Amino acid sequence: MALKKYKPTTPGRRQMSGYSFDELTTSKPNKKLVTGKNRISGRNNRGTITIRHRGGGAARKYRDTDFKMKKNIGIPGVVESVEYDPGRTAYIMLVLYKNGDRKYHLAPAGITAGESVMTSEKTKIKIGNRLHIGNIPVGYEIHNLEFHPGRGGQAVKSAGNSAKIIGFDGDWAQVQLPSKEIRMVNKECYASIGKVSNTDHSLIKIGKAGRKRHMGRRPQVRGKAMNPCDHPHGGGEGACPIGMKHPKTPWGLPALGKKTRRRKDTNRLIVKNRKGKMVR
């Protein structure tokens, strides 16, 4: 996908780039698969702000995307259109199955309208098809990866990402995730062939603050620019350092590098972590 640049009519426009949307085939979503979406603005069910710097932005409608792709197992489908989804970085595709059912799925890179797709335990190795990891040859790129059989795609779903099968060990497959972590995944888990679409997403330059506001992102302020009563980094004369050994959150907890992983029970499935250290 190619990017487009804008005429430098303003300082913000000079650095800005956007999508050309060459891969898209329609601008109108399927009405039966679209629902309204309430704005959360970083608040929980009590109305308390739990995620800062959220709010405003353009109105969005949710596309009901099927990550499991198990309702139409063994039924061939045809890609009707490749569409934009405001709720995710990747594009989505509308698939019409032979039984008349229509579903939205993640679109892999290179997929076009009119191509056939299939979900089955064992099927042809082709971009867009979904099958058991145990039936995918070593070295193929995959996305929309399951970690537990029947749970649906849980990982490798953002624009331009892909995982790779690097080997098999009994009932398990060794999969290298986008973070370079190597993890054991059950052979009966499903995965889709190919790389996630919109591969140039990481090359986009926002250009100006107003564009971020359209995305629902409010301004962020550095802690060292605040007063001591508002942030642990605040206070001091001039552009002084934060004055502590490690950075902290506004509430005094460790920040920037603090490990937040809680699922210790799945450590046994990690062969090599993202830093390249062997775990098993």
C-alpha atoms as a PDB file:
ATOM      1  CA  MET A   1       0.000   0.000   0.000  1.00  0.00           C
ATOM      2  CA  ALA A   2       1.291   3.432  -0.912  1.00  0.00           C
ATOM      3  CA  LEU A   3       1.223   6.467   1.345  1.00  0.00           C
ATOM      4  CA  LYS A   4       0.164   9.913   0.240  1.00  0.00           C
ATOM      5  CA  LYS A   5       1.682  13.247   1.243  1.00  0.00           C
ATOM      6  CA  TYR A   6      -0.005  16.616   1.446  1.00  0.00           C
ATOM      7  CA  LYS A   7       0.883  19.999   0.026  1.00  0.00           C
ATOM      8  CA  PRO A   8       2.928  21.958   2.618  1.00  0.00           C
ATOM      9  CA  THR A   9       0.337  24.692   3.088  1.00  0.00           C
ATOM     10  CA  THR A  10       1.009  24.772   6.864  1.00  0.00           C
ATOM     11  CA  PRO A  11       3.849  23.556   9.130  1.00  0.00           C
ATOM     12  CA  GLY A  12       1.672  20.607  10.197  1.00  0.00           C
ATOM     13  CA  ARG A  13       0.827  19.664   6.622  1.00  0.00           C
ATOM     14  CA  ARG A  14       4.503  19.775   5.642  1.00  0.00           C
ATOM     15  CA  GLN A  15       5.336  16.634   7.646  1.00  0.00           C
ATOM     16  CA  MET A  16       1.954  14.915   7.421  1.00  0.00           C
ATOM     17  CA  SER A  17       1.284  11.669   5.538  1.00  0.00           C
ATOM     18  CA  GLY A  18      -1.816   9.530   5.219  1.00  0.00           C
ATOM     19  CA  TYR A  19      -3.267   6.402   3.642  1.00  0.00           C
ATOM     20  CA  SER A  20      -3.903   6.193  -0.084  1.00  0.00           C
ATOM     21  CA  PHE A  21      -6.517   3.455   0.482  1.00  0.00           C
ATOM     22  CA  ASP A  22      -5.569   1.727  -2.780  1.00  0.00           C
ATOM     23  CA  GLU A  23      -6.496  -1.683  -1.380  1.00  0.00           C
ATOM     24  CA  LEU A  24     -10.047  -0.716  -0.401  1.00  0.00           C
ATOM     25  CA  THR A  25     -12.922  -1.578  -2.719  1.00  0.00           C
ATOM     26  CA  THR A  26     -15.825   0.193  -0.981  1.00  0.00           C
ATOM     27  CA  SER A  27     -16.442   2.995   1.491  1.00  0.00           C
ATOM     28  CA  LYS A  28     -19.825   1.798   2.805  1.00  0.00           C
ATOM     29  CA  PRO A  29     -19.955  -1.025   5.370  1.00  0.00           C
ATOM     30  CA  ASN A  30     -22.572  -3.770   5.510  1.00  0.00           C
ATOM     31  CA  LYS A  31     -25.443  -2.359   7.586  1.00  0.00           C
ATOM     32  CA  LYS A  32     -26.326  -5.713   9.189  1.00  0.00           C
ATOM     33  CA  LEU A  33     -22.797  -6.076  10.598  1.00  0.00           C
ATOM     34  CA  VAL A  34     -22.475  -2.527  11.969  1.00  0.00           C
ATOM     35  CA  THR A  35     -23.647  -1.333  15.389  1.00  0.00           C
ATOM     36  CA  GLY A  36     -23.367   1.885  17.363  1.00  0.00           C
ATOM     37  CA  LYS A  37     -20.538   2.316  19.831  1.00  0.00           C
ATOM     38  CA  ASN A  38     -20.685   4.303  23.065  1.00  0.00           C
ATOM     39  CA  ARG A  39     -17.776   6.553  23.924  1.00  0.00           C
ATOM     40  CA  ILE A  40     -16.012   5.401  27.060  1.00  0.00           C
ATOM     41  CA  SER A  41     -13.462   8.249  27.235  1.00  0.00           C
ATOM     42  CA  GLY A  42     -11.224   6.262  29.573  1.00  0.00           C
ATOM     43  CA  ARG A  43     -13.897   5.793  32.269  1.00  0.00           C
ATOM     44  CA  ASN A  44     -15.041   2.641  34.031  1.00  0.00           C
ATOM     45  CA  ASN A  45     -18.596   1.590  34.954  1.00  0.00           C
ATOM     46  CA  ARG A  46     -18.622   4.094  37.853  1.00  0.00           C
ATOM     47  CA  GLY A  47     -17.599   7.027  35.686  1.00  0.00           C
ATOM     48  CA  THR A  48     -14.093   7.226  37.195  1.00  0.00           C
ATOM     49  CA  ILE A  49     -11.230   7.962  34.814  1.00  0.00           C
ATOM     50  CA  THR A  50      -9.007   4.879  34.734  1.00  0.00           C
ATOM     51  CA  ILE A  51      -7.127   5.734  31.495  1.00  0.00           C
ATOM     52  CA  ARG A  52      -5.946   9.309  31.188  1.00  0.00           C
ATOM     53  CA  HIS A  53      -5.734  11.381  28.012  1.00  0.00           C
ATOM     54  CA  ARG A  54      -8.843   9.918  26.370  1.00  0.00           C
ATOM     55  CA  GLY A  55     -11.939  11.714  25.149  1.00  0.00           C
ATOM     56  CA  GLY A  56     -13.557  13.464  22.226  1.00  0.00           C
ATOM     57  CA  GLY A  57     -12.764  12.328  18.732  1.00  0.00           C
ATOM     58  CA  ALA A  58     -14.843  11.458  15.705  1.00  0.00           C
ATOM     59  CA  ALA A  59     -17.887   9.194  16.100  1.00  0.00           C
ATOM     60  CA  ARG A  60     -17.265   5.539  15.240  1.00  0.00           C
ATOM     61  CA  LYS A  61     -19.424   2.542  14.464  1.00  0.00           C
ATOM     62  CA  TYR A  62     -18.337  -0.948  15.436  1.00  0.00           C
ATOM     63  CA  ARG A  63     -17.862  -3.563  12.731  1.00  0.00           C
ATOM     64  CA  ASP A  64     -18.815  -7.004  14.068  1.00  0.00           C
ATOM     65  CA  THR A  65     -15.585  -8.814  13.191  1.00  0.00           C
ATOM     66  CA  ASP A  66     -15.482 -12.611  13.487  1.00  0.00           C
ATOM     67  CA  PHE A  67     -12.104 -13.726  14.858  1.00  0.00           C
ATOM     68  CA  LYS A  68     -13.078 -17.374  15.453  1.00  0.00           C
ATOM     69  CA  MET A  69     -14.193 -18.067  11.856  1.00  0.00           C
ATOM     70  CA  LYS A  70     -15.674 -21.397  13.001  1.00  0.00           C
ATOM     71  CA  LYS A  71     -19.351 -20.981  12.132  1.00  0.00           C
ATOM     72  CA  ASN A  72     -18.644 -21.765   8.474  1.00  0.00           C
ATOM     73  CA  ILE A  73     -15.995 -24.483   8.790  1.00  0.00           C
ATOM     74  CA  GLY A  74     -15.638 -26.382   5.538  1.00  0.00           C
ATOM     75  CA  ILE A  75     -17.844 -23.915   3.612  1.00  0.00           C
ATOM     76  CA  PRO A  76     -16.074 -21.983   0.837  1.00  0.00           C
ATOM     77  CA  GLY A  77     -16.375 -18.217   0.844  1.00  0.00           C
ATOM     78  CA  VAL A  78     -15.638 -15.357  -1.536  1.00  0.00           C
ATOM     79  CA  VAL A  79     -14.202 -11.965  -0.569  1.00  0.00           C
ATOM     80  CA  GLU A  80     -16.807  -9.374  -1.544  1.00  0.00           C
ATOM     81  CA  SER A  81     -14.914  -6.273  -0.434  1.00  0.00           C
ATOM     82  CA  VAL A  82     -11.916  -4.966   1.504  1.00  0.00           C
ATOM     83  CA  GLU A  83     -12.921  -2.143   3.851  1.00  0.00           C
ATOM     84  CA  TYR A  84     -11.605   0.373   6.354  1.00  0.00           C
ATOM     85  CA  ASP A  85     -12.345  -0.178  10.040  1.00  0.00           C
ATOM     86  CA  PRO A  86     -12.062   2.861  12.353  1.00  0.00           C
ATOM     87  CA  GLY A  87     -11.762   0.586  15.382  1.00  0.00           C
ATOM     88  CA  ARG A  88      -8.480  -1.085  14.381  1.00  0.00           C
ATOM     89  CA  THR A  89      -5.279  -0.441  12.461  1.00  0.00           C
ATOM     90  CA  ALA A  90      -5.804  -3.306   9.989  1.00  0.00           C
ATOM     91  CA  TYR A  91      -8.309  -3.491   7.168  1.00  0.00           C
ATOM     92  CA  ILE A  92     -11.196  -5.951   7.210  1.00  0.00           C
ATOM     93  CA  MET A  93     -12.774  -8.045   4.467  1.00  0.00           C
ATOM     94  CA  LEU A  94     -16.424  -8.922   3.912  1.00  0.00           C
ATOM     95  CA  VAL A  95     -16.763 -12.624   3.030  1.00  0.00           C
ATOM     96  CA  LEU A  96     -19.864 -14.167   1.457  1.00  0.00           C
ATOM     97  CA  TYR A  97     -20.093 -17.895   2.194  1.00  0.00           C
ATOM     98  CA  LYS A  98     -21.816 -20.428  -0.032  1.00  0.00           C
ATOM     99  CA  ASN A  99     -24.644 -20.847   2.505  1.00  0.00           C
ATOM    100  CA  GLY A 100     -25.487 -17.125   2.195  1.00  0.00           C
ATOM    101  CA  ASP A 101     -23.848 -16.027   5.447  1.00  0.00           C
ATOM    102  CA  ARG A 102     -21.776 -12.831   5.461  1.00  0.00           C
ATOM    103  CA  LYS A 103     -18.974 -12.180   7.943  1.00  0.00           C
ATOM    104  CA  TYR A 104     -16.276  -9.586   8.559  1.00  0.00           C
ATOM    105  CA  HIS A 105     -12.761 -11.003   9.027  1.00  0.00           C
ATOM    106  CA  LEU A 106      -9.298  -9.492   9.334  1.00  0.00           C
ATOM    107  CA  ALA A 107      -7.921  -8.869   5.856  1.00  0.00           C
ATOM    108  CA  PRO A 108      -4.440 -10.243   5.135  1.00  0.00           C
ATOM    109  CA  ALA A 109      -2.004  -8.256   3.025  1.00  0.00           C
ATOM    110  CA  GLY A 110      -2.459  -8.901  -0.691  1.00  0.00           C
ATOM    111  CA  ILE A 111      -6.052 -10.148  -0.527  1.00  0.00           C
ATOM    112  CA  THR A 112      -8.390  -8.763  -3.209  1.00  0.00           C
ATOM    113  CA  ALA A 113     -12.115  -8.874  -3.903  1.00  0.00           C
ATOM    114  CA  GLY A 114     -13.192 -12.028  -5.707  1.00  0.00           C
ATOM    115  CA  GLU A 115     -10.671 -14.366  -4.083  1.00  0.00           C
ATOM    116  CA  SER A 116     -11.852 -17.518  -2.327  1.00  0.00           C
ATOM    117  CA  VAL A 117     -11.164 -18.289   1.345  1.00  0.00           C
ATOM    118  CA  MET A 118     -11.756 -21.366   3.455  1.00  0.00           C
ATOM    119  CA  THR A 119     -11.699 -22.337   7.135  1.00  0.00           C
ATOM    120  CA  SER A 120     -11.015 -26.001   7.818  1.00  0.00           C
ATOM    121  CA  GLU A 121      -8.782 -28.229   9.927  1.00  0.00           C
ATOM    122  CA  LYS A 122      -6.759 -28.972   6.798  1.00  0.00           C
ATOM    123  CA  THR A 123      -7.035 -26.979   3.598  1.00  0.00           C
ATOM    124  CA  LYS A 124      -4.928 -25.370   0.902  1.00  0.00           C
ATOM    125  CA  ILE A 125      -2.031 -23.196   2.099  1.00  0.00           C
ATOM    126  CA  LYS A 126      -3.223 -19.905   0.629  1.00  0.00           C
ATOM    127  CA  ILE A 127      -3.413 -16.312   1.851  1.00  0.00           C
ATOM    128  CA  GLY A 128      -6.688 -15.813   3.712  1.00  0.00           C
ATOM    129  CA  ASN A 129      -7.306 -19.486   4.516  1.00  0.00           C
ATOM    130  CA  ARG A 130      -7.536 -20.592   8.156  1.00  0.00           C
ATOM    131  CA  LEU A 131      -6.522 -24.005   9.467  1.00  0.00           C
ATOM    132  CA  HIS A 132      -4.919 -25.905  12.333  1.00  0.00           C
ATOM    133  CA  ILE A 133      -1.371 -24.844  13.148  1.00  0.00           C
ATOM    134  CA  GLY A 134      -0.313 -28.488  12.979  1.00  0.00           C
ATOM    135  CA  ASN A 135      -1.188 -28.541   9.265  1.00  0.00           C
ATOM    136  CA  ILE A 136       0.798 -25.391   8.365  1.00  0.00           C
ATOM    137  CA  PRO A 137       4.368 -25.973   7.107  1.00  0.00           C
ATOM    138  CA  VAL A 138       7.333 -24.494   8.945  1.00  0.00           C
ATOM    139  CA  GLY A 139       8.317 -20.989   7.850  1.00  0.00           C
ATOM    140  CA  TYR A 140       4.894 -19.704   6.799  1.00  0.00           C
ATOM    141  CA  GLU A 141       3.649 -16.354   8.079  1.00  0.00           C
ATOM    142  CA  ILE A 142       0.429 -16.497  10.095  1.00  0.00           C
ATOM    143  CA  HIS A 143      -1.884 -14.062  11.892  1.00  0.00           C
ATOM    144  CA  ASN A 144      -5.051 -14.037  14.042  1.00  0.00           C
ATOM    145  CA  LEU A 145      -3.495 -16.717  16.223  1.00  0.00           C
ATOM    146  CA  GLU A 146      -5.328 -18.790  18.833  1.00  0.00           C
ATOM    147  CA  PHE A 147      -3.625 -19.634  22.117  1.00  0.00           C
ATOM    148  CA  HIS A 148      -6.376 -21.991  23.358  1.00  0.00           C
ATOM    149  CA  PRO A 149      -8.423 -24.223  21.018  1.00  0.00           C
ATOM    150  CA  GLY A 150     -11.887 -22.812  20.413  1.00  0.00           C
ATOM    151  CA  ARG A 151     -11.244 -19.394  21.956  1.00  0.00           C
ATOM    152  CA  GLY A 152     -10.687 -17.532  18.686  1.00  0.00           C
ATOM    153  CA  GLY A 153      -7.876 -15.280  17.529  1.00  0.00           C
ATOM    154  CA  GLN A 154      -6.094 -13.595  20.449  1.00  0.00           C
ATOM    155  CA  ALA A 155      -2.774 -12.380  19.044  1.00  0.00           C
ATOM    156  CA  VAL A 156      -1.116 -11.028  15.883  1.00  0.00           C
ATOM    157  CA  LYS A 157      -4.097  -8.911  14.811  1.00  0.00           C
ATOM    158  CA  SER A 158      -2.663  -5.390  14.328  1.00  0.00           C
ATOM    159  CA  ALA A 159      -1.575  -3.858  11.024  1.00  0.00           C
ATOM    160  CA  GLY A 160       1.501  -5.340   9.355  1.00  0.00           C
ATOM    161  CA  ASN A 161       2.115  -8.000  12.015  1.00  0.00           C
ATOM    162  CA  SER A 162       2.769 -11.674  11.463  1.00  0.00           C
ATOM    163  CA  ALA A 163       4.004 -14.680  13.410  1.00  0.00           C
ATOM    164  CA  LYS A 164       6.039 -17.579  12.072  1.00  0.00           C
ATOM    165  CA  ILE A 165       6.019 -21.312  12.738  1.00  0.00           C
ATOM    166  CA  ILE A 166       9.587 -22.442  13.386  1.00  0.00           C
ATOM    167  CA  GLY A 167       9.099 -26.063  14.471  1.00  0.00           C
ATOM    168  CA  PHE A 168       6.998 -28.804  16.053  1.00  0.00           C
ATOM    169  CA  ASP A 169       7.402 -30.782  19.261  1.00  0.00           C
ATOM    170  CA  GLY A 170       4.855 -33.542  19.853  1.00  0.00           C
ATOM    171  CA  ASP A 171       1.395 -31.993  20.263  1.00  0.00           C
ATOM    172  CA  TRP A 172       2.835 -28.489  20.266  1.00  0.00           C
ATOM    173  CA  ALA A 173       4.100 -26.029  17.675  1.00  0.00           C
ATOM    174  CA  GLN A 174       6.826 -23.462  18.290  1.00  0.00           C
ATOM    175  CA  VAL A 175       5.635 -20.063  17.077  1.00  0.00           C
ATOM    176  CA  GLN A 176       7.743 -16.907  16.903  1.00  0.00           C
ATOM    177  CA  LEU A 177       5.531 -13.929  17.767  1.00  0.00           C
ATOM    178  CA  PRO A 178       6.058 -10.367  16.441  1.00  0.00           C
ATOM    179  CA  SER A 179       7.902  -9.527  19.687  1.00  0.00           C
ATOM    180  CA  LYS A 180      10.442 -12.288  18.790  1.00  0.00           C
ATOM    181  CA  GLU A 181       9.186 -14.353  21.718  1.00  0.00           C
ATOM    182  CA  ILE A 182       9.050 -18.069  20.885  1.00  0.00           C
ATOM    183  CA  ARG A 183       6.025 -19.760  22.406  1.00  0.00           C
ATOM    184  CA  MET A 184       4.520 -23.246  22.431  1.00  0.00           C
ATOM    185  CA  VAL A 185       1.010 -23.378  20.938  1.00  0.00           C
ATOM    186  CA  ASN A 186      -1.272 -26.417  20.718  1.00  0.00           C
ATOM    187  CA  LYS A 187      -1.414 -27.930  17.231  1.00  0.00           C
ATOM    188  CA  GLU A 188      -5.224 -27.850  17.301  1.00  0.00           C
ATOM    189  CA  CYS A 189      -5.297 -24.058  17.530  1.00  0.00           C
ATOM    190  CA  TYR A 190      -6.326 -22.191  14.400  1.00  0.00           C
ATOM    191  CA  ALA A 191      -4.318 -19.540  12.570  1.00  0.00           C
ATOM    192  CA  SER A 192      -4.797 -17.632   9.318  1.00  0.00           C
ATOM    193  CA  ILE A 193      -2.246 -17.665   6.511  1.00  0.00           C
ATOM    194  CA  GLY A 194      -0.468 -14.431   5.623  1.00  0.00           C
ATOM    195  CA  LYS A 195       0.473 -11.077   7.123  1.00  0.00           C
ATOM    196  CA  VAL A 196      -2.073  -8.591   8.460  1.00  0.00           C
ATOM    197  CA  SER A 197      -3.019  -5.887   5.951  1.00  0.00           C
ATOM    198  CA  ASN A 198      -2.135  -2.167   6.030  1.00  0.00           C
ATOM    199  CA  THR A 199       1.583  -2.869   6.347  1.00  0.00           C
ATOM    200  CA  ASP A 200       2.561   0.818   6.027  1.00  0.00           C
ATOM    201  CA  HIS A 201       0.633   1.849   9.125  1.00  0.00           C
ATOM    202  CA  SER A 202       3.813   2.355  11.172  1.00  0.00           C
ATOM    203  CA  LEU A 203       5.137   4.828   8.567  1.00  0.00           C
ATOM    204  CA  ILE A 204       2.270   7.293   8.965  1.00  0.00           C
ATOM    205  CA  LYS A 205       3.251  10.746  10.281  1.00  0.00           C
ATOM    206  CA  ILE A 206       0.450  12.391  12.223  1.00  0.00           C
ATOM    207  CA  GLY A 207       1.738  15.904  11.514  1.00  0.00           C
ATOM    208  CA  LYS A 208      -0.390  17.960  13.894  1.00  0.00           C
ATOM    209  CA  ALA A 209      -2.081  17.739  17.272  1.00  0.00           C
ATOM    210  CA  GLY A 210      -5.582  18.186  15.866  1.00  0.00           C
ATOM    211  CA  ARG A 211      -5.346  14.907  14.026  1.00  0.00           C
ATOM    212  CA  LYS A 212      -4.681  13.132  17.313  1.00  0.00           C
ATOM    213  CA  ARG A 213      -7.747  14.812  18.803  1.00  0.00           C
ATOM    214  CA  HIS A 214      -9.837  13.324  15.989  1.00  0.00           C
ATOM    215  CA  MET A 215      -8.591   9.909  17.154  1.00  0.00           C
ATOM    216  CA  GLY A 216      -9.855  10.549  20.670  1.00  0.00           C
ATOM    217  CA  ARG A 217      -6.465  11.323  22.237  1.00  0.00           C
ATOM    218  CA  ARG A 218      -6.247  14.310  24.581  1.00  0.00           C
ATOM    219  CA  PRO A 219      -2.997  16.172  25.398  1.00  0.00           C
ATOM    220  CA  GLN A 220      -0.333  14.665  27.650  1.00  0.00           C
ATOM    221  CA  VAL A 221       1.796  16.756  29.988  1.00  0.00           C
ATOM    222  CA  ARG A 222       5.240  15.755  31.299  1.00  0.00           C
ATOM    223  CA  GLY A 223       5.398  15.087  35.017  1.00  0.00           C
ATOM    224  CA  LYS A 224       8.491  17.283  35.460  1.00  0.00           C
ATOM    225  CA  ALA A 225       6.509  20.214  34.057  1.00  0.00           C
ATOM    226  CA  MET A 226       3.956  19.924  36.910  1.00  0.00           C
ATOM    227  CA  ASN A 227       3.970  21.066  40.516  1.00  0.00           C
ATOM    228  CA  PRO A 228       5.105  18.686  43.284  1.00  0.00           C
ATOM    229  CA  CYS A 229       1.503  18.328  44.479  1.00  0.00           C
ATOM    230  CA  ASP A 230       0.441  17.009  41.062  1.00  0.00           C
ATOM    231  CA  HIS A 231       3.267  14.616  40.180  1.00  0.00           C
ATOM    232  CA  PRO A 232       6.330  13.077  41.937  1.00  0.00           C
ATOM    233  CA  HIS A 233       8.552  14.437  39.131  1.00  0.00           C
ATOM    234  CA  GLY A 234       7.312  18.004  39.626  1.00  0.00           C
ATOM    235  CA  GLY A 235       8.968  20.957  41.305  1.00  0.00           C
ATOM    236  CA  GLY A 236      12.495  22.330  41.220  1.00  0.00           C
ATOM    237  CA  GLU A 237      14.069  25.310  39.543  1.00  0.00           C
ATOM    238  CA  GLY A 238      14.344  25.454  35.772  1.00  0.00           C
ATOM    239  CA  ALA A 239      14.779  22.365  33.613  1.00  0.00           C
ATOM    240  CA  CYS A 240      16.032  20.117  36.412  1.00  0.00           C
ATOM    241  CA  PRO A 241      15.904  16.293  36.412  1.00  0.00           C
ATOM    242  CA  ILE A 242      13.181  14.360  38.196  1.00  0.00           C
ATOM    243  CA  GLY A 243      15.327  14.013  41.333  1.00  0.00           C
ATOM    244  CA  MET A 244      14.839  10.306  41.977  1.00  0.00           C
ATOM    245  CA  LYS A 245      16.506   7.056  41.037  1.00  0.00           C
ATOM    246  CA  HIS A 246      13.589   5.635  39.008  1.00  0.00           C
ATOM    247  CA  PRO A 247      10.642   7.365  37.331  1.00  0.00           C
ATOM    248  CA  LYS A 248       7.241   7.093  38.972  1.00  0.00           C
ATOM    249  CA  THR A 249       3.610   7.300  37.995  1.00  0.00           C
ATOM    250  CA  PRO A 250       1.483  10.211  39.268  1.00  0.00           C
ATOM    251  CA  TRP A 251       0.525   7.946  42.184  1.00  0.00           C
ATOM    252  CA  GLY A 252       4.095   7.081  43.197  1.00  0.00           C
ATOM    253  CA  LEU A 253       4.314   3.589  41.669  1.00  0.00           C
ATOM    254  CA  PRO A 254       7.287   2.454  39.522  1.00  0.00           C
ATOM    255  CA  ALA A 255       7.038   3.404  35.840  1.00  0.00           C
ATOM    256  CA  LEU A 256       8.938   2.841  32.569  1.00  0.00           C
ATOM    257  CA  GLY A 257      10.286  -0.691  32.777  1.00  0.00           C
ATOM    258  CA  LYS A 258       8.224  -2.148  35.601  1.00  0.00           C
ATOM    259  CA  LYS A 259       7.108  -5.672  34.685  1.00  0.00           C
ATOM    260  CA  THR A 260       3.331  -5.928  34.638  1.00  0.00           C
ATOM    261  CA  ARG A 261       2.882  -9.518  33.445  1.00  0.00           C
ATOM    262  CA  ARG A 262       0.527 -11.416  35.770  1.00  0.00           C
ATOM    263  CA  ARG A 263      -0.082 -14.718  33.963  1.00  0.00           C
ATOM    264  CA  LYS A 264       2.775 -16.665  35.545  1.00  0.00           C
ATOM    265  CA  ASP A 265       1.015 -19.996  34.876  1.00  0.00           C
ATOM    266  CA  THR A 266       1.775 -19.730  31.128  1.00  0.00           C
ATOM    267  CA  ASN A 267       5.508 -19.162  31.596  1.00  0.00           C
ATOM    268  CA  ARG A 268       5.991 -22.877  30.983  1.00  0.00           C
ATOM    269  CA  LEU A 269       4.894 -22.350  27.351  1.00  0.00           C
ATOM    270  CA  ILE A 270       7.553 -19.710  26.634  1.00  0.00           C
ATOM    271  CA  VAL A 271      10.666 -21.179  25.009  1.00  0.00           C
ATOM    272  CA  LYS A 272      12.554 -17.901  24.450  1.00  0.00           C
ATOM    273  CA  ASN A 273      11.489 -14.491  25.699  1.00  0.00           C
ATOM    274  CA  ARG A 274      11.475 -11.308  23.638  1.00  0.00           C
ATOM    275  CA  LYS A 275      14.981 -10.416  24.827  1.00  0.00           C
ATOM    276  CA  GLY A 276      16.375 -13.619  23.330  1.00  0.00           C
ATOM    277  CA  LYS A 277      16.924 -15.407  26.651  1.00  0.00           C
ATOM    278  CA  MET A 278      16.104 -19.112  26.720  1.00  0.00           C
ATOM    279  CA  VAL A 279      13.426 -19.850  29.335  1.00  0.00           C
ATOM    280  CA  ARG A 280      12.986 -23.601  28.947  1.00  0.00           C
END
